[in-house]
N, C-alpha and C. Protein backbone atom coordinates (compact mmCIF):
# COMPACT_ATOMS: atom_id res chain seq x y z
N MET A 1 12.29 54.27 46.45
CA MET A 1 12.01 54.28 45.03
C MET A 1 13.34 54.19 44.28
N PRO A 2 13.39 53.40 43.21
CA PRO A 2 14.63 53.24 42.46
C PRO A 2 15.10 54.57 41.89
N ASN A 3 16.42 54.63 41.67
CA ASN A 3 16.96 55.82 41.01
C ASN A 3 16.24 56.01 39.70
N GLN A 4 15.99 57.25 39.35
CA GLN A 4 15.24 57.52 38.12
C GLN A 4 16.04 57.01 36.92
N GLU A 5 16.97 57.77 36.45
CA GLU A 5 17.80 57.37 35.33
C GLU A 5 19.07 58.19 35.40
N ARG A 6 20.11 57.71 34.77
CA ARG A 6 21.31 58.50 34.65
C ARG A 6 21.70 58.50 33.18
N SER A 7 22.27 59.58 32.73
CA SER A 7 22.68 59.68 31.33
C SER A 7 24.15 59.36 31.22
N THR A 8 24.51 58.76 30.10
CA THR A 8 25.90 58.45 29.85
C THR A 8 26.33 59.16 28.58
N ALA A 9 27.16 60.18 28.75
CA ALA A 9 27.76 60.92 27.64
C ALA A 9 26.77 61.33 26.58
N GLY A 10 25.63 61.85 26.99
CA GLY A 10 24.66 62.36 26.04
C GLY A 10 23.89 61.29 25.29
N THR A 11 24.04 60.04 25.68
CA THR A 11 23.31 58.97 25.00
C THR A 11 21.98 58.75 25.71
N THR A 12 21.38 57.66 25.43
CA THR A 12 20.10 57.34 26.05
C THR A 12 20.28 57.04 27.53
N PRO A 13 19.25 57.25 28.34
CA PRO A 13 19.37 57.01 29.78
C PRO A 13 19.64 55.54 30.08
N VAL A 14 20.37 55.30 31.14
CA VAL A 14 20.67 53.95 31.60
C VAL A 14 20.06 53.79 32.98
N LEU A 15 19.38 52.69 33.20
CA LEU A 15 18.75 52.47 34.51
C LEU A 15 19.77 51.90 35.48
N ASP A 16 19.64 52.28 36.74
CA ASP A 16 20.54 51.83 37.79
C ASP A 16 20.18 50.41 38.17
N GLY A 17 21.00 49.45 37.79
CA GLY A 17 20.73 48.03 37.94
C GLY A 17 20.38 47.54 39.33
N PRO A 18 21.21 47.80 40.37
CA PRO A 18 20.92 47.22 41.69
C PRO A 18 19.57 47.66 42.24
N GLN A 19 19.19 48.91 42.02
CA GLN A 19 17.91 49.41 42.52
C GLN A 19 16.75 48.69 41.82
N TRP A 20 16.85 48.57 40.51
CA TRP A 20 15.78 47.92 39.75
C TRP A 20 15.76 46.43 40.00
N ARG A 21 16.94 45.82 40.18
CA ARG A 21 16.99 44.39 40.48
C ARG A 21 16.26 44.11 41.80
N ALA A 22 16.49 44.94 42.81
CA ALA A 22 15.81 44.75 44.10
C ALA A 22 14.29 44.85 43.94
N LEU A 23 13.85 45.81 43.15
CA LEU A 23 12.41 45.97 42.92
C LEU A 23 11.84 44.75 42.18
N LEU A 24 12.54 44.30 41.16
CA LEU A 24 12.08 43.13 40.40
C LEU A 24 12.11 41.86 41.24
N GLU A 25 13.14 41.71 42.05
CA GLU A 25 13.21 40.51 42.89
C GLU A 25 12.10 40.49 43.94
N ALA A 26 11.76 41.65 44.47
CA ALA A 26 10.63 41.72 45.42
C ALA A 26 9.33 41.36 44.70
N ARG A 27 9.18 41.86 43.49
CA ARG A 27 7.98 41.55 42.68
C ARG A 27 7.94 40.06 42.37
N TRP A 28 9.11 39.48 42.04
CA TRP A 28 9.19 38.05 41.74
C TRP A 28 8.75 37.23 42.96
N GLN A 29 9.23 37.60 44.13
CA GLN A 29 8.87 36.88 45.34
C GLN A 29 7.36 36.95 45.60
N ALA A 30 6.78 38.13 45.41
CA ALA A 30 5.33 38.28 45.61
C ALA A 30 4.55 37.44 44.61
N ARG A 31 5.00 37.44 43.36
CA ARG A 31 4.32 36.63 42.33
C ARG A 31 4.45 35.14 42.62
N LEU A 32 5.62 34.71 43.09
CA LEU A 32 5.83 33.31 43.43
C LEU A 32 4.92 32.89 44.59
N THR A 33 4.81 33.73 45.59
CA THR A 33 3.93 33.45 46.73
C THR A 33 2.49 33.33 46.26
N GLU A 34 2.05 34.27 45.41
CA GLU A 34 0.69 34.22 44.88
C GLU A 34 0.45 32.92 44.11
N LEU A 35 1.40 32.55 43.25
CA LEU A 35 1.26 31.32 42.46
C LEU A 35 1.20 30.09 43.36
N THR A 36 2.04 30.05 44.37
CA THR A 36 2.06 28.90 45.29
C THR A 36 0.73 28.77 46.02
N GLU A 37 0.22 29.89 46.53
CA GLU A 37 -1.05 29.86 47.24
C GLU A 37 -2.20 29.43 46.33
N LEU A 38 -2.23 29.96 45.12
CA LEU A 38 -3.29 29.58 44.18
C LEU A 38 -3.18 28.11 43.77
N SER A 39 -1.97 27.63 43.58
CA SER A 39 -1.78 26.22 43.21
C SER A 39 -2.25 25.30 44.32
N LEU A 40 -1.89 25.63 45.55
CA LEU A 40 -2.33 24.81 46.69
C LEU A 40 -3.86 24.84 46.82
N ALA A 41 -4.44 26.02 46.66
CA ALA A 41 -5.90 26.13 46.74
C ALA A 41 -6.58 25.36 45.62
N TYR A 42 -6.00 25.41 44.43
CA TYR A 42 -6.57 24.66 43.30
C TYR A 42 -6.55 23.16 43.61
N HIS A 43 -5.42 22.65 44.07
CA HIS A 43 -5.32 21.21 44.33
C HIS A 43 -6.29 20.79 45.43
N ALA A 44 -6.46 21.61 46.44
CA ALA A 44 -7.42 21.30 47.51
C ALA A 44 -8.85 21.30 46.96
N ALA A 45 -9.18 22.29 46.15
CA ALA A 45 -10.54 22.37 45.58
C ALA A 45 -10.79 21.23 44.60
N ASP A 46 -9.78 20.87 43.83
CA ASP A 46 -9.93 19.78 42.87
C ASP A 46 -10.14 18.46 43.61
N GLU A 47 -9.40 18.27 44.67
CA GLU A 47 -9.57 17.05 45.47
C GLU A 47 -10.96 17.02 46.10
N ALA A 48 -11.44 18.16 46.58
CA ALA A 48 -12.78 18.23 47.16
C ALA A 48 -13.84 17.92 46.11
N ALA A 49 -13.62 18.40 44.89
CA ALA A 49 -14.59 18.14 43.81
C ALA A 49 -14.62 16.65 43.47
N VAL A 50 -13.48 16.00 43.48
CA VAL A 50 -13.43 14.56 43.21
C VAL A 50 -14.10 13.81 44.34
N ASP A 51 -13.82 14.22 45.58
CA ASP A 51 -14.44 13.56 46.73
C ASP A 51 -15.96 13.74 46.74
N ALA A 52 -16.43 14.87 46.22
CA ALA A 52 -17.87 15.16 46.20
C ALA A 52 -18.51 14.62 44.93
N ARG A 53 -17.81 13.76 44.23
CA ARG A 53 -18.30 13.16 42.97
C ARG A 53 -18.63 14.23 41.94
N ALA A 54 -17.67 15.15 41.75
CA ALA A 54 -17.77 16.20 40.72
C ALA A 54 -18.97 17.10 40.93
N ASP A 55 -19.19 17.48 42.18
CA ASP A 55 -20.23 18.46 42.47
C ASP A 55 -19.93 19.73 41.68
N GLU A 56 -20.91 20.25 40.98
CA GLU A 56 -20.68 21.38 40.06
C GLU A 56 -20.07 22.61 40.73
N PRO A 57 -20.56 23.09 41.88
CA PRO A 57 -19.92 24.27 42.48
C PRO A 57 -18.45 24.03 42.84
N ASP A 58 -18.14 22.85 43.35
CA ASP A 58 -16.74 22.55 43.69
C ASP A 58 -15.89 22.50 42.43
N HIS A 59 -16.44 21.94 41.37
CA HIS A 59 -15.72 21.86 40.10
C HIS A 59 -15.49 23.26 39.52
N GLN A 60 -16.49 24.11 39.60
CA GLN A 60 -16.35 25.49 39.10
C GLN A 60 -15.30 26.26 39.90
N GLU A 61 -15.29 26.06 41.20
CA GLU A 61 -14.28 26.74 42.03
C GLU A 61 -12.88 26.28 41.65
N ALA A 62 -12.72 24.98 41.44
CA ALA A 62 -11.42 24.45 41.05
C ALA A 62 -10.99 25.03 39.70
N GLN A 63 -11.91 25.14 38.76
CA GLN A 63 -11.57 25.69 37.45
C GLN A 63 -11.20 27.17 37.54
N LEU A 64 -11.90 27.91 38.38
CA LEU A 64 -11.56 29.33 38.58
C LEU A 64 -10.16 29.46 39.18
N LEU A 65 -9.87 28.65 40.18
CA LEU A 65 -8.54 28.68 40.79
C LEU A 65 -7.45 28.28 39.80
N LEU A 66 -7.75 27.33 38.94
CA LEU A 66 -6.79 26.93 37.91
C LEU A 66 -6.50 28.09 36.95
N ARG A 67 -7.55 28.78 36.51
CA ARG A 67 -7.35 29.93 35.61
C ARG A 67 -6.53 31.02 36.30
N ARG A 68 -6.82 31.26 37.58
CA ARG A 68 -6.05 32.28 38.31
C ARG A 68 -4.60 31.85 38.48
N ALA A 69 -4.35 30.56 38.71
CA ALA A 69 -2.98 30.06 38.84
C ALA A 69 -2.22 30.18 37.52
N VAL A 70 -2.89 29.91 36.42
CA VAL A 70 -2.25 30.06 35.11
C VAL A 70 -1.90 31.53 34.87
N ALA A 71 -2.81 32.43 35.20
CA ALA A 71 -2.54 33.87 35.03
C ALA A 71 -1.39 34.30 35.94
N ALA A 72 -1.34 33.78 37.15
CA ALA A 72 -0.25 34.12 38.09
C ALA A 72 1.08 33.60 37.56
N ARG A 73 1.07 32.44 36.93
CA ARG A 73 2.31 31.90 36.34
C ARG A 73 2.80 32.81 35.22
N ARG A 74 1.87 33.31 34.41
CA ARG A 74 2.26 34.23 33.33
C ARG A 74 2.87 35.51 33.90
N LYS A 75 2.29 36.02 34.98
CA LYS A 75 2.83 37.23 35.62
C LYS A 75 4.23 36.96 36.17
N LEU A 76 4.43 35.78 36.74
CA LEU A 76 5.75 35.42 37.24
C LEU A 76 6.75 35.34 36.09
N GLU A 77 6.33 34.77 34.98
CA GLU A 77 7.20 34.70 33.80
C GLU A 77 7.56 36.10 33.30
N ASP A 78 6.60 37.02 33.34
CA ASP A 78 6.88 38.40 32.91
C ASP A 78 7.98 39.02 33.77
N VAL A 79 7.94 38.78 35.07
CA VAL A 79 8.97 39.32 35.96
C VAL A 79 10.30 38.63 35.68
N GLU A 80 10.27 37.32 35.46
CA GLU A 80 11.52 36.60 35.14
C GLU A 80 12.13 37.13 33.84
N GLU A 81 11.30 37.43 32.86
CA GLU A 81 11.80 37.98 31.61
C GLU A 81 12.38 39.38 31.82
N ALA A 82 11.77 40.18 32.69
CA ALA A 82 12.30 41.51 33.00
C ALA A 82 13.66 41.39 33.69
N LEU A 83 13.81 40.43 34.57
CA LEU A 83 15.12 40.19 35.19
C LEU A 83 16.15 39.81 34.14
N GLY A 84 15.74 39.04 33.15
CA GLY A 84 16.63 38.68 32.05
C GLY A 84 17.03 39.91 31.24
N ARG A 85 16.07 40.80 30.99
CA ARG A 85 16.38 42.03 30.25
C ARG A 85 17.35 42.90 31.05
N LEU A 86 17.17 42.94 32.37
CA LEU A 86 18.06 43.71 33.22
C LEU A 86 19.48 43.16 33.13
N THR A 87 19.62 41.86 33.22
CA THR A 87 20.93 41.21 33.13
C THR A 87 21.58 41.47 31.77
N ALA A 88 20.75 41.47 30.72
CA ALA A 88 21.26 41.67 29.36
C ALA A 88 21.50 43.14 29.02
N GLY A 89 21.13 44.04 29.93
CA GLY A 89 21.33 45.47 29.68
C GLY A 89 20.26 46.10 28.81
N ARG A 90 19.12 45.43 28.68
CA ARG A 90 18.03 45.95 27.86
C ARG A 90 16.84 46.42 28.68
N TYR A 91 16.95 46.36 30.00
CA TYR A 91 15.83 46.73 30.86
C TYR A 91 15.53 48.22 30.74
N GLY A 92 14.25 48.54 30.68
CA GLY A 92 13.83 49.94 30.59
C GLY A 92 13.73 50.46 29.18
N ARG A 93 13.89 49.57 28.21
CA ARG A 93 13.78 49.92 26.80
C ARG A 93 12.56 49.22 26.23
N CYS A 94 11.79 49.96 25.44
CA CYS A 94 10.60 49.41 24.80
C CYS A 94 11.02 48.29 23.84
N GLU A 95 10.36 47.17 23.90
CA GLU A 95 10.68 46.05 23.03
C GLU A 95 10.24 46.28 21.59
N GLN A 96 9.39 47.27 21.39
CA GLN A 96 8.92 47.54 20.03
C GLN A 96 9.73 48.66 19.36
N CYS A 97 9.83 49.81 20.01
CA CYS A 97 10.50 50.95 19.38
C CYS A 97 11.87 51.26 19.98
N GLU A 98 12.23 50.58 21.06
CA GLU A 98 13.51 50.72 21.75
C GLU A 98 13.71 52.06 22.45
N SER A 99 12.66 52.86 22.59
CA SER A 99 12.78 54.11 23.35
C SER A 99 12.76 53.77 24.84
N ALA A 100 13.18 54.74 25.65
CA ALA A 100 13.20 54.54 27.10
C ALA A 100 11.78 54.49 27.65
N ILE A 101 11.56 53.58 28.55
CA ILE A 101 10.28 53.50 29.26
C ILE A 101 10.42 54.42 30.48
N PRO A 102 9.45 55.30 30.73
CA PRO A 102 9.56 56.21 31.86
C PRO A 102 9.79 55.47 33.18
N ALA A 103 10.71 55.99 33.97
CA ALA A 103 11.05 55.36 35.26
C ALA A 103 9.82 55.26 36.16
N GLY A 104 8.93 56.24 36.10
CA GLY A 104 7.72 56.19 36.92
C GLY A 104 6.85 54.99 36.58
N LEU A 105 6.75 54.67 35.30
CA LEU A 105 5.98 53.51 34.87
C LEU A 105 6.67 52.22 35.34
N LEU A 106 7.99 52.18 35.21
CA LEU A 106 8.73 51.00 35.67
C LEU A 106 8.62 50.82 37.18
N ALA A 107 8.55 51.92 37.91
CA ALA A 107 8.41 51.82 39.37
C ALA A 107 7.05 51.21 39.73
N LEU A 108 6.02 51.51 38.94
CA LEU A 108 4.68 50.96 39.19
C LEU A 108 4.54 49.54 38.66
N ILE A 109 5.06 49.32 37.46
CA ILE A 109 4.94 48.01 36.81
C ILE A 109 6.34 47.65 36.30
N PRO A 110 7.20 47.14 37.19
CA PRO A 110 8.59 46.93 36.82
C PRO A 110 8.81 45.92 35.69
N GLU A 111 7.84 45.07 35.45
CA GLU A 111 8.01 44.08 34.39
C GLU A 111 7.52 44.58 33.02
N THR A 112 7.09 45.83 32.96
CA THR A 112 6.56 46.34 31.70
C THR A 112 7.61 46.26 30.60
N ARG A 113 7.15 46.00 29.39
CA ARG A 113 8.09 45.83 28.28
C ARG A 113 7.88 46.83 27.15
N TYR A 114 6.85 47.67 27.25
CA TYR A 114 6.55 48.63 26.19
C TYR A 114 6.42 50.04 26.75
N CYS A 115 6.83 51.01 25.96
CA CYS A 115 6.64 52.42 26.34
C CYS A 115 5.14 52.74 26.22
N PRO A 116 4.69 53.81 26.83
CA PRO A 116 3.26 54.14 26.78
C PRO A 116 2.73 54.30 25.35
N ARG A 117 3.54 54.86 24.46
CA ARG A 117 3.08 55.07 23.09
C ARG A 117 2.84 53.72 22.39
N CYS A 118 3.78 52.82 22.48
CA CYS A 118 3.63 51.51 21.83
C CYS A 118 2.57 50.66 22.51
N ASP A 119 2.44 50.79 23.82
CA ASP A 119 1.44 50.02 24.55
C ASP A 119 0.03 50.45 24.17
N ALA A 120 -0.13 51.72 23.81
CA ALA A 120 -1.44 52.25 23.43
C ALA A 120 -1.82 51.89 22.00
N GLU A 121 -0.82 51.58 21.16
CA GLU A 121 -1.10 51.25 19.77
C GLU A 121 -1.65 49.83 19.68
N PRO A 122 -2.57 49.61 18.74
CA PRO A 122 -3.04 48.23 18.55
C PRO A 122 -1.88 47.36 18.08
N ALA A 123 -1.83 46.17 18.58
CA ALA A 123 -0.75 45.25 18.22
C ALA A 123 -0.99 44.70 16.82
N ALA A 124 -0.39 45.32 15.84
CA ALA A 124 -0.56 44.88 14.45
C ALA A 124 0.24 43.61 14.18
N THR A 125 1.49 43.61 14.63
CA THR A 125 2.34 42.46 14.34
C THR A 125 2.83 41.78 15.60
N THR A 126 2.68 42.40 16.74
CA THR A 126 3.22 41.86 17.98
C THR A 126 2.07 41.42 18.88
N VAL A 127 2.20 40.21 19.42
CA VAL A 127 1.21 39.72 20.38
C VAL A 127 1.76 40.04 21.76
N ARG A 128 0.99 40.75 22.57
CA ARG A 128 1.42 41.13 23.92
C ARG A 128 0.61 40.39 24.94
N ARG A 129 1.26 40.14 26.09
CA ARG A 129 0.54 39.54 27.21
C ARG A 129 0.11 40.62 28.14
């Protein structure tokens, strides 16, 4: 499990970069594998639907796989953005209120971008994925 947090001279906690980078990179690899598998399955199902002259069940399966591949791509982008925040020194900070995101939450969902308080509030001005 990544280091929790360390404090610097009484300021806000700073997350330990190498530990979190390893966690995010493992998450990135898993998301990339998922996206690759879904993309390959979609193309195979789409080809089968074309070969079957647009048989409805084959077409529906291809559309479901396409939706899942799009969702997997968004999840991969979320991890890539978290890696960018880590590089920029903003990882572990809520994008809305800038408070620290609990390390336990980051350990479970390392790409999270909002603290629990902001995540629970209705998005009045911010669109969240």
